[in-house]
PDB file of N, CA and C in Angstrom:
ATOM      1  N   MET A   1      -4.666 310.382  69.329  1.00  0.00           N
ATOM      2  CA  MET A   1      -3.919 310.120  70.492  1.00  0.00           C
ATOM      3  C   MET A   1      -3.754 311.307  71.973  1.00  0.00           C
ATOM      4  N   GLU A   2      -3.559 310.724  72.701  1.00  0.00           N
ATOM      5  CA  GLU A   2      -3.553 311.779  74.038  1.00  0.00           C
ATOM      6  C   GLU A   2      -2.316 312.455  74.105  1.00  0.00           C
ATOM      7  N   LYS A   3      -2.500 313.409  74.238  1.00  0.00           N
ATOM      8  CA  LYS A   3      -0.909 313.973  74.313  1.00  0.00           C
ATOM      9  C   LYS A   3      -0.097 313.086  75.003  1.00  0.00           C
ATOM     10  N   ASN A   4       0.790 313.241  76.289  1.00  0.00           N
ATOM     11  CA  ASN A   4       1.680 312.267  77.121  1.00  0.00           C
ATOM     12  C   ASN A   4       1.497 311.065  76.933  1.00  0.00           C
ATOM     13  N   LYS A   5       0.155 310.697  75.656  1.00  0.00           N
ATOM     14  CA  LYS A   5       0.652 309.172  75.800  1.00  0.00           C
ATOM     15  C   LYS A   5       1.652 308.564  74.474  1.00  0.00           C
ATOM     16  N   LYS A   6       2.671 307.132  74.987  1.00  0.00           N
ATOM     17  CA  LYS A   6       3.527 306.750  74.054  1.00  0.00           C
ATOM     18  C   LYS A   6       3.059 306.168  73.224  1.00  0.00           C
ATOM     19  N   SER A   7       3.614 306.091  71.864  1.00  0.00           N
ATOM     20  CA  SER A   7       3.249 305.837  70.420  1.00  0.00           C
ATOM     21  C   SER A   7       4.213 303.707  71.373  1.00  0.00           C
ATOM     22  N   ALA A   8       3.836 303.177  70.073  1.00  0.00           N
ATOM     23  CA  ALA A   8       4.006 302.017  70.516  1.00  0.00           C
ATOM     24  C   ALA A   8       5.593 301.672  70.392  1.00  0.00           C
ATOM     25  N   PHE A   9       5.803 301.993  69.400  1.00  0.00           N
ATOM     26  CA  PHE A   9       7.170 302.391  68.798  1.00  0.00           C
ATOM     27  C   PHE A   9       8.094 303.018  69.297  1.00  0.00           C
ATOM     28  N   GLU A  10       7.973 304.686  70.387  1.00  0.00           N
ATOM     29  CA  GLU A  10       8.565 305.153  71.057  1.00  0.00           C
ATOM     30  C   GLU A  10       7.797 303.837  73.177  1.00  0.00           C
ATOM     31  N   ILE A  11       7.492 303.613  73.003  1.00  0.00           N
ATOM     32  CA  ILE A  11       7.476 302.078  74.079  1.00  0.00           C
ATOM     33  C   ILE A  11       8.576 301.287  73.709  1.00  0.00           C
ATOM     34  N   VAL A  12       8.746 300.859  72.811  1.00  0.00           N
ATOM     35  CA  VAL A  12       9.702 299.744  72.909  1.00  0.00           C
ATOM     36  C   VAL A  12      11.204 300.082  72.332  1.00  0.00           C
ATOM     37  N   MET A  13      11.408 301.542  72.155  1.00  0.00           N
ATOM     38  CA  MET A  13      13.111 301.932  71.085  1.00  0.00           C
ATOM     39  C   MET A  13      13.076 301.925  73.150  1.00  0.00           C
ATOM     40  N   GLU A  14      12.247 302.478  74.239  1.00  0.00           N
ATOM     41  CA  GLU A  14      12.845 302.970  75.619  1.00  0.00           C
ATOM     42  C   GLU A  14      12.980 301.283  76.192  1.00  0.00           C
ATOM     43  N   ASP A  15      12.809 300.593  75.732  1.00  0.00           N
ATOM     44  CA  ASP A  15      12.548 299.671  76.984  1.00  0.00           C
ATOM     45  C   ASP A  15      14.108 299.366  76.415  1.00  0.00           C
ATOM     46  N   ARG A  16      14.594 298.890  74.455  1.00  0.00           N
ATOM     47  CA  ARG A  16      15.836 299.039  73.997  1.00  0.00           C
ATOM     48  C   ARG A  16      16.697 298.804  74.968  1.00  0.00           C
ATOM     49  N   LYS A  17      16.413 300.724  75.026  1.00  0.00           N
ATOM     50  CA  LYS A  17      17.598 301.889  75.664  1.00  0.00           C
ATOM     51  C   LYS A  17      17.566 300.838  77.165  1.00  0.00           C
ATOM     52  N   GLU A  18      16.390 300.765  77.825  1.00  0.00           N
ATOM     53  CA  GLU A  18      17.401 299.843  79.492  1.00  0.00           C
ATOM     54  C   GLU A  18      17.998 298.956  79.464  1.00  0.00           C
ATOM     55  N   VAL A  19      17.289 298.275  78.392  1.00  0.00           N
ATOM     56  CA  VAL A  19      17.928 297.104  78.676  1.00  0.00           C
ATOM     57  C   VAL A  19      19.162 296.780  77.791  1.00  0.00           C
ATOM     58  N   VAL A  20      19.814 298.186  77.176  1.00  0.00           N
ATOM     59  CA  VAL A  20      21.181 298.805  76.305  1.00  0.00           C
ATOM     60  C   VAL A  20      22.019 298.437  77.554  1.00  0.00           C
ATOM     61  N   ASP A  21      21.327 299.570  77.900  1.00  0.00           N
ATOM     62  CA  ASP A  21      22.014 300.697  79.170  1.00  0.00           C
ATOM     63  C   ASP A  21      22.287 299.956  80.554  1.00  0.00           C
ATOM     64  N   GLU A  22      21.565 298.809  80.531  1.00  0.00           N
ATOM     65  CA  GLU A  22      21.650 297.532  82.187  1.00  0.00           C
ATOM     66  C   GLU A  22      22.874 296.923  81.127  1.00  0.00           C
ATOM     67  N   LEU A  23      22.937 295.999  79.919  1.00  0.00           N
ATOM     68  CA  LEU A  23      24.168 295.339  79.850  1.00  0.00           C
ATOM     69  C   LEU A  23      25.065 296.070  79.597  1.00  0.00           C
ATOM     70  N   ILE A  24      25.580 297.104  79.598  1.00  0.00           N
ATOM     71  CA  ILE A  24      26.736 298.344  79.420  1.00  0.00           C
ATOM     72  C   ILE A  24      26.923 298.164  80.955  1.00  0.00           C
ATOM     73  N   LYS A  25      26.477 298.379  81.977  1.00  0.00           N
ATOM     74  CA  LYS A  25      26.426 298.904  83.102  1.00  0.00           C
ATOM     75  C   LYS A  25      27.370 298.028  83.686  1.00  0.00           C
ATOM     76  N   SER A  26      26.574 296.140  83.460  1.00  0.00           N
ATOM     77  CA  SER A  26      27.065 294.937  83.706  1.00  0.00           C
ATOM     78  C   SER A  26      27.899 295.023  83.009  1.00  0.00           C
ATOM     79  N   MET A  27      28.991 295.024  82.177  1.00  0.00           N
ATOM     80  CA  MET A  27      29.891 295.082  81.370  1.00  0.00           C
ATOM     81  C   MET A  27      30.678 296.237  82.352  1.00  0.00           C
ATOM     82  N   GLU A  28      31.041 296.999  82.277  1.00  0.00           N
ATOM     83  CA  GLU A  28      31.281 297.923  83.035  1.00  0.00           C
ATOM     84  C   GLU A  28      32.036 297.034  84.502  1.00  0.00           C
ATOM     85  N   GLU A  29      30.816 296.292  85.390  1.00  0.00           N
ATOM     86  CA  GLU A  29      30.724 295.663  86.557  1.00  0.00           C
ATOM     87  C   GLU A  29      31.940 294.877  85.921  1.00  0.00           C
ATOM     88  N   GLY A  30      32.434 294.104  85.037  1.00  0.00           N
ATOM     89  CA  GLY A  30      32.981 293.448  84.964  1.00  0.00           C
ATOM     90  C   GLY A  30      32.539 291.244  84.345  1.00  0.00           C
ATOM     91  N   TYR A  31      30.671 292.348  84.554  1.00  0.00           N
ATOM     92  CA  TYR A  31      30.066 290.347  84.165  1.00  0.00           C
ATOM     93  C   TYR A  31      29.785 290.562  82.900  1.00  0.00           C
ATOM     94  N   VAL A  32      30.608 289.389  82.662  1.00  0.00           N
ATOM     95  CA  VAL A  32      30.322 289.033  80.774  1.00  0.00           C
ATOM     96  C   VAL A  32      29.684 287.526  81.277  1.00  0.00           C
ATOM     97  N   ALA A  33      28.546 287.593  80.142  1.00  0.00           N
ATOM     98  CA  ALA A  33      28.454 286.219  79.555  1.00  0.00           C
ATOM     99  C   ALA A  33      29.328 284.974  79.294  1.00  0.00           C
ATOM    100  N   THR A  34      30.484 285.058  79.554  1.00  0.00           N
ATOM    101  CA  THR A  34      31.708 284.003  79.005  1.00  0.00           C
ATOM    102  C   THR A  34      32.073 283.980  80.321  1.00  0.00           C
ATOM    103  N   ARG A  35      31.953 285.162  81.776  1.00  0.00           N
ATOM    104  CA  ARG A  35      32.495 284.643  83.022  1.00  0.00           C
ATOM    105  C   ARG A  35      31.512 282.925  83.011  1.00  0.00           C
ATOM    106  N   GLN A  36      31.791 283.022  84.680  1.00  0.00           N
ATOM    107  CA  GLN A  36      31.010 281.952  85.701  1.00  0.00           C
ATOM    108  C   GLN A  36      30.080 282.878  86.568  1.00  0.00           C
ATOM    109  N   LEU A  37      29.558 283.621  86.338  1.00  0.00           N
ATOM    110  CA  LEU A  37      29.473 284.601  88.277  1.00  0.00           C
ATOM    111  C   LEU A  37      27.935 284.462  86.816  1.00  0.00           C
ATOM    112  N   TRP A  38      27.959 283.884  85.711  1.00  0.00           N
ATOM    113  CA  TRP A  38      26.388 283.960  85.344  1.00  0.00           C
ATOM    114  C   TRP A  38      25.811 282.789  85.482  1.00  0.00           C
ATOM    115  N   ASP A  39      24.492 282.504  85.735  1.00  0.00           N
ATOM    116  CA  ASP A  39      24.789 281.039  86.220  1.00  0.00           C
ATOM    117  C   ASP A  39      23.667 280.464  84.813  1.00  0.00           C
ATOM    118  N   LYS A  40      24.384 279.122  84.802  1.00  0.00           N
ATOM    119  CA  LYS A  40      24.001 278.884  83.494  1.00  0.00           C
ATOM    120  C   LYS A  40      22.233 278.670  83.160  1.00  0.00           C
ATOM    121  N   MET A  41      21.915 278.078  84.471  1.00  0.00           N
ATOM    122  CA  MET A  41      20.257 277.536  84.585  1.00  0.00           C
ATOM    123  C   MET A  41      19.915 278.741  84.317  1.00  0.00           C
ATOM    124  N   ALA A  42      20.406 280.248  84.334  1.00  0.00           N
ATOM    125  CA  ALA A  42      19.006 281.086  84.449  1.00  0.00           C
ATOM    126  C   ALA A  42      18.970 282.202  83.619  1.00  0.00           C
ATOM    127  N   VAL A  43      21.024 282.130  83.059  1.00  0.00           N
ATOM    128  CA  VAL A  43      20.169 282.233  81.589  1.00  0.00           C
ATOM    129  C   VAL A  43      19.673 280.933  80.577  1.00  0.00           C
ATOM    130  N   ARG A  44      18.487 280.284  81.588  1.00  0.00           N
ATOM    131  CA  ARG A  44      18.053 279.880  80.503  1.00  0.00           C
ATOM    132  C   ARG A  44      16.027 279.409  80.773  1.00  0.00           C
ATOM    133  N   PRO A  45      16.253 280.685  80.557  1.00  0.00           N
ATOM    134  CA  PRO A  45      14.171 281.071  80.768  1.00  0.00           C
ATOM    135  C   PRO A  45      13.543 280.288  80.284  1.00  0.00           C
ATOM    136  N   GLN A  46      12.690 279.277  81.092  1.00  0.00           N
ATOM    137  CA  GLN A  46      11.530 278.801  80.638  1.00  0.00           C
ATOM    138  C   GLN A  46      10.141 278.769  81.176  1.00  0.00           C
ATOM    139  N   ASN A  47       9.269 279.026  80.562  1.00  0.00           N
ATOM    140  CA  ASN A  47       8.246 278.776  80.812  1.00  0.00           C
ATOM    141  C   ASN A  47       7.634 276.857  81.486  1.00  0.00           C
ATOM    142  N   PRO A  48       7.237 277.055  82.226  1.00  0.00           N
ATOM    143  CA  PRO A  48       7.364 276.121  83.118  1.00  0.00           C
ATOM    144  C   PRO A  48       5.824 274.836  83.040  1.00  0.00           C
ATOM    145  N   VAL A  49       4.599 276.211  82.495  1.00  0.00           N
ATOM    146  CA  VAL A  49       3.318 275.373  81.729  1.00  0.00           C
ATOM    147  C   VAL A  49       3.259 274.569  80.733  1.00  0.00           C
ATOM    148  N   SER A  50       4.380 275.977  80.099  1.00  0.00           N
ATOM    149  CA  SER A  50       3.458 275.499  78.152  1.00  0.00           C
ATOM    150  C   SER A  50       5.130 274.473  78.690  1.00  0.00           C
ATOM    151  N   GLU A  51       6.346 274.692  78.998  1.00  0.00           N
ATOM    152  CA  GLU A  51       7.623 273.673  78.836  1.00  0.00           C
ATOM    153  C   GLU A  51       8.691 274.837  78.004  1.00  0.00           C
ATOM    154  N   VAL A  52       8.404 275.615  77.412  1.00  0.00           N
ATOM    155  CA  VAL A  52       8.716 276.233  75.855  1.00  0.00           C
ATOM    156  C   VAL A  52      10.551 277.406  76.500  1.00  0.00           C
ATOM    157  N   TYR A  53      10.456 276.876  76.357  1.00  0.00           N
ATOM    158  CA  TYR A  53      12.105 277.784  76.546  1.00  0.00           C
ATOM    159  C   TYR A  53      11.919 279.869  75.577  1.00  0.00           C
ATOM    160  N   TYR A  54      12.472 280.993  76.465  1.00  0.00           N
ATOM    161  CA  TYR A  54      12.347 282.113  76.050  1.00  0.00           C
ATOM    162  C   TYR A  54      13.407 281.957  74.940  1.00  0.00           C
ATOM    163  N   LYS A  55      13.148 283.053  74.103  1.00  0.00           N
ATOM    164  CA  LYS A  55      13.995 282.894  73.181  1.00  0.00           C
ATOM    165  C   LYS A  55      13.629 284.821  72.701  1.00  0.00           C
ATOM    166  N   GLY A  56      15.167 285.091  72.508  1.00  0.00           N
ATOM    167  CA  GLY A  56      15.741 286.107  71.399  1.00  0.00           C
ATOM    168  C   GLY A  56      15.438 286.710  72.103  1.00  0.00           C
ATOM    169  N   GLY A  57      14.451 288.021  72.103  1.00  0.00           N
ATOM    170  CA  GLY A  57      15.025 289.723  73.491  1.00  0.00           C
ATOM    171  C   GLY A  57      14.234 288.921  75.049  1.00  0.00           C
ATOM    172  N   ASN A  58      13.275 287.998  74.700  1.00  0.00           N
ATOM    173  CA  ASN A  58      12.994 288.012  75.475  1.00  0.00           C
ATOM    174  C   ASN A  58      13.788 287.025  77.021  1.00  0.00           C
ATOM    175  N   ARG A  59      14.070 285.834  75.979  1.00  0.00           N
ATOM    176  CA  ARG A  59      15.759 285.549  76.322  1.00  0.00           C
ATOM    177  C   ARG A  59      16.836 286.180  77.182  1.00  0.00           C
ATOM    178  N   PHE A  60      16.802 287.332  76.512  1.00  0.00           N
ATOM    179  CA  PHE A  60      18.155 288.175  77.042  1.00  0.00           C
ATOM    180  C   PHE A  60      18.031 288.698  77.792  1.00  0.00           C
ATOM    181  N   ARG A  61      16.110 289.511  77.974  1.00  0.00           N
ATOM    182  CA  ARG A  61      16.145 290.711  79.461  1.00  0.00           C
ATOM    183  C   ARG A  61      15.680 289.365  81.067  1.00  0.00           C
ATOM    184  N   LEU A  62      15.290 288.420  80.509  1.00  0.00           N
ATOM    185  CA  LEU A  62      14.805 287.577  81.523  1.00  0.00           C
ATOM    186  C   LEU A  62      16.499 286.963  82.553  1.00  0.00           C
ATOM    187  N   SER A  63      17.120 286.743  82.118  1.00  0.00           N
ATOM    188  CA  SER A  63      18.408 286.433  82.196  1.00  0.00           C
ATOM    189  C   SER A  63      19.432 287.921  83.171  1.00  0.00           C
ATOM    190  N   MET A  64      19.574 288.770  81.965  1.00  0.00           N
ATOM    191  CA  MET A  64      19.856 289.577  82.642  1.00  0.00           C
ATOM    192  C   MET A  64      19.095 289.851  84.133  1.00  0.00           C
ATOM    193  N   ALA A  65      17.571 290.068  84.564  1.00  0.00           N
ATOM    194  CA  ALA A  65      17.431 289.537  85.263  1.00  0.00           C
ATOM    195  C   ALA A  65      17.124 288.911  85.919  1.00  0.00           C
ATOM    196  N   ALA A  66      17.831 287.311  85.774  1.00  0.00           N
ATOM    197  CA  ALA A  66      17.942 286.650  86.787  1.00  0.00           C
ATOM    198  C   ALA A  66      19.673 287.360  87.608  1.00  0.00           C
ATOM    199  N   VAL A  67      20.030 286.978  87.238  1.00  0.00           N
ATOM    200  CA  VAL A  67      22.099 287.668  86.630  1.00  0.00           C
ATOM    201  C   VAL A  67      21.547 288.693  87.944  1.00  0.00           C
ATOM    202  N   LYS A  68      21.198 289.284  87.505  1.00  0.00           N
ATOM    203  CA  LYS A  68      21.256 290.941  88.913  1.00  0.00           C
ATOM    204  C   LYS A  68      20.333 290.502  90.344  1.00  0.00           C
ATOM    205  N   ASN A  69      19.188 290.293  90.130  1.00  0.00           N
ATOM    206  CA  ASN A  69      18.697 289.312  91.310  1.00  0.00           C
ATOM    207  C   ASN A  69      18.820 288.028  91.970  1.00  0.00           C
ATOM    208  N   GLY A  70      19.997 287.547  91.325  1.00  0.00           N
ATOM    209  CA  GLY A  70      20.949 286.178  91.641  1.00  0.00           C
ATOM    210  C   GLY A  70      19.599 285.598  90.936  1.00  0.00           C
ATOM    211  N   TYR A  71      19.222 284.881  90.977  1.00  0.00           N
ATOM    212  CA  TYR A  71      17.862 283.786  90.586  1.00  0.00           C
ATOM    213  C   TYR A  71      18.819 282.686  90.230  1.00  0.00           C
ATOM    214  N   LYS A  72      18.746 282.271  90.788  1.00  0.00           N
ATOM    215  CA  LYS A  72      18.922 280.283  90.309  1.00  0.00           C
ATOM    216  C   LYS A  72      17.504 279.407  89.629  1.00  0.00           C
ATOM    217  N   ASP A  73      16.540 279.120  89.625  1.00  0.00           N
ATOM    218  CA  ASP A  73      15.528 278.953  89.625  1.00  0.00           C
ATOM    219  C   ASP A  73      15.209 279.990  87.471  1.00  0.00           C
ATOM    220  N   PRO A  74      15.388 279.194  86.731  1.00  0.00           N
ATOM    221  CA  PRO A  74      14.920 279.601  85.402  1.00  0.00           C
ATOM    222  C   PRO A  74      13.794 279.158  84.969  1.00  0.00           C
ATOM    223  N   ARG A  75      12.565 278.935  85.530  1.00  0.00           N
ATOM    224  CA  ARG A  75      11.575 279.525  85.162  1.00  0.00           C
ATOM    225  C   ARG A  75      10.643 280.594  85.468  1.00  0.00           C
ATOM    226  N   TRP A  76       9.479 280.650  84.541  1.00  0.00           N
ATOM    227  CA  TRP A  76       9.532 282.409  84.673  1.00  0.00           C
ATOM    228  C   TRP A  76       7.612 282.123  83.736  1.00  0.00           C
ATOM    229  N   LEU A  77       6.436 283.522  84.786  1.00  0.00           N
ATOM    230  CA  LEU A  77       5.443 282.902  84.435  1.00  0.00           C
ATOM    231  C   LEU A  77       5.310 283.917  84.015  1.00  0.00           C
ATOM    232  N   ALA A  78       3.931 285.116  83.582  1.00  0.00           N
ATOM    233  CA  ALA A  78       3.974 286.699  83.289  1.00  0.00           C
ATOM    234  C   ALA A  78       2.503 286.040  83.125  1.00  0.00           C
ATOM    235  N   GLY A  79       1.870 287.098  83.916  1.00  0.00           N
ATOM    236  CA  GLY A  79       0.161 286.553  84.435  1.00  0.00           C
ATOM    237  C   GLY A  79      -0.724 288.586  83.485  1.00  0.00           C
TER     238      GLY A  79
END
């Protein structure tokens, strides 16, 4: 393995830390999931092709991104 190449574990842990940091920042700013500031549609992200709703960590990450960016459309696609 290359010296500077990160392991899968390191990548996952960095990603999780990023999500937690973003959640803490959001809470410090007063945005919590129980408030109306969160658009109900945005926090139910789905894949419009498969019509499957995202779950778990993916749902959380996409919901945070939607709220942070003011997205109202719950449809997400990955390329």
